[in-house]
Amino acid sequence: MEKGMARSKKKEIVSHTPKRKELEAPKKPKKKKKTQRDPGASQRFKEITQRAKEIREKHPKMKWKNCIKQASKERYTTTKPK
């Protein structure tokens, strides 16, 4: 016998017993909750996109993501309701 095999144990074959979840009936998929959408969101996004295009024309090397951030910041800091 080899040195490493002297202490090894033979693995036992275990029969498969179904778990509790496998015994239960399959569950129906959950329904998604309907959320209220803001009707003005589309208009605000169009305004931000338009301003981002103007910024991009002035600064062509600026990344689009940064143009959107700047346009959004400009819109919400100037027209923030009190």
Protein backbone atom coordinates (compact mmCIF):
# COMPACT_ATOMS: atom_id res chain seq x y z
CA MET A 1 0.00 0.00 0.00
CA GLU A 2 1.02 3.53 -0.68
CA LYS A 3 1.59 5.88 2.18
CA GLY A 4 -1.21 8.34 1.23
CA MET A 5 -3.82 5.64 0.67
CA ALA A 6 -3.44 4.00 4.10
CA ARG A 7 -5.74 6.43 5.88
CA SER A 8 -8.29 6.96 3.10
CA LYS A 9 -11.82 5.70 3.51
CA LYS A 10 -14.00 4.25 0.83
CA LYS A 11 -16.90 6.52 -0.11
CA GLU A 12 -20.33 5.12 0.51
CA ILE A 13 -22.99 5.29 -2.16
CA VAL A 14 -25.99 7.17 -0.81
CA SER A 15 -29.37 6.85 -2.45
CA HIS A 16 -30.97 10.12 -3.49
CA THR A 17 -33.77 11.19 -1.19
CA PRO A 18 -35.91 14.10 -2.41
CA LYS A 19 -35.67 17.29 -0.41
CA ARG A 20 -38.66 19.15 0.99
CA LYS A 21 -38.72 21.64 -1.90
CA GLU A 22 -38.78 18.83 -4.45
CA LEU A 23 -41.77 17.23 -2.72
CA GLU A 24 -43.86 20.42 -2.87
CA ALA A 25 -45.86 21.37 -5.96
CA PRO A 26 -44.11 23.78 -8.33
CA LYS A 27 -44.81 27.42 -7.55
CA LYS A 28 -46.36 29.86 -9.99
CA PRO A 29 -44.15 32.74 -11.14
CA LYS A 30 -44.67 35.99 -9.28
CA LYS A 31 -46.57 38.74 -11.05
CA LYS A 32 -44.80 42.04 -11.55
CA LYS A 33 -46.22 44.96 -9.64
CA LYS A 34 -47.57 47.77 -11.74
CA THR A 35 -45.87 51.03 -10.89
CA GLN A 36 -47.15 54.49 -11.55
CA ARG A 37 -45.16 56.16 -14.29
CA ASP A 38 -44.48 59.85 -14.27
CA PRO A 39 -46.18 61.35 -17.35
CA GLY A 40 -43.73 64.26 -17.52
CA ALA A 41 -40.62 62.08 -17.41
CA SER A 42 -40.47 61.67 -21.18
CA GLN A 43 -40.67 65.43 -21.73
CA ARG A 44 -37.95 66.10 -19.14
CA PHE A 45 -35.71 63.50 -20.75
CA LYS A 46 -36.20 65.14 -24.17
CA GLU A 47 -35.24 68.53 -22.71
CA ILE A 48 -32.13 67.10 -21.07
CA THR A 49 -31.13 65.31 -24.29
CA GLN A 50 -31.60 68.48 -26.33
CA ARG A 51 -29.42 70.48 -23.93
CA ALA A 52 -26.81 67.69 -23.95
CA LYS A 53 -26.65 67.91 -27.76
CA GLU A 54 -25.99 71.66 -27.48
CA ILE A 55 -23.23 71.06 -24.94
CA ARG A 56 -21.72 68.38 -27.18
CA GLU A 57 -21.61 70.80 -30.14
CA LYS A 58 -19.62 73.28 -28.05
CA HIS A 59 -17.35 70.58 -26.58
CA PRO A 60 -17.02 67.73 -29.12
CA LYS A 61 -14.46 65.79 -27.09
CA MET A 62 -16.67 65.61 -24.01
CA LYS A 63 -18.17 62.19 -23.34
CA TRP A 64 -21.91 61.83 -23.89
CA LYS A 65 -22.46 60.63 -20.33
CA ASN A 66 -20.85 63.79 -18.97
CA CYS A 67 -22.96 65.95 -21.31
CA ILE A 68 -26.11 64.32 -19.95
CA LYS A 69 -24.93 64.85 -16.37
CA GLN A 70 -24.18 68.51 -16.98
CA ALA A 71 -27.47 69.13 -18.79
CA SER A 72 -29.41 67.44 -15.99
CA LYS A 73 -27.53 69.41 -13.36
CA GLU A 74 -28.25 72.68 -15.19
CA ARG A 75 -31.94 71.86 -15.53
CA TYR A 76 -32.54 70.85 -11.94
CA THR A 77 -30.45 73.51 -10.23
CA THR A 78 -32.16 76.36 -12.11
CA THR A 79 -35.79 75.12 -12.08
CA LYS A 80 -35.90 73.39 -8.71
CA PRO A 81 -39.31 73.93 -7.01
CA LYS A 82 -39.23 75.36 -3.48
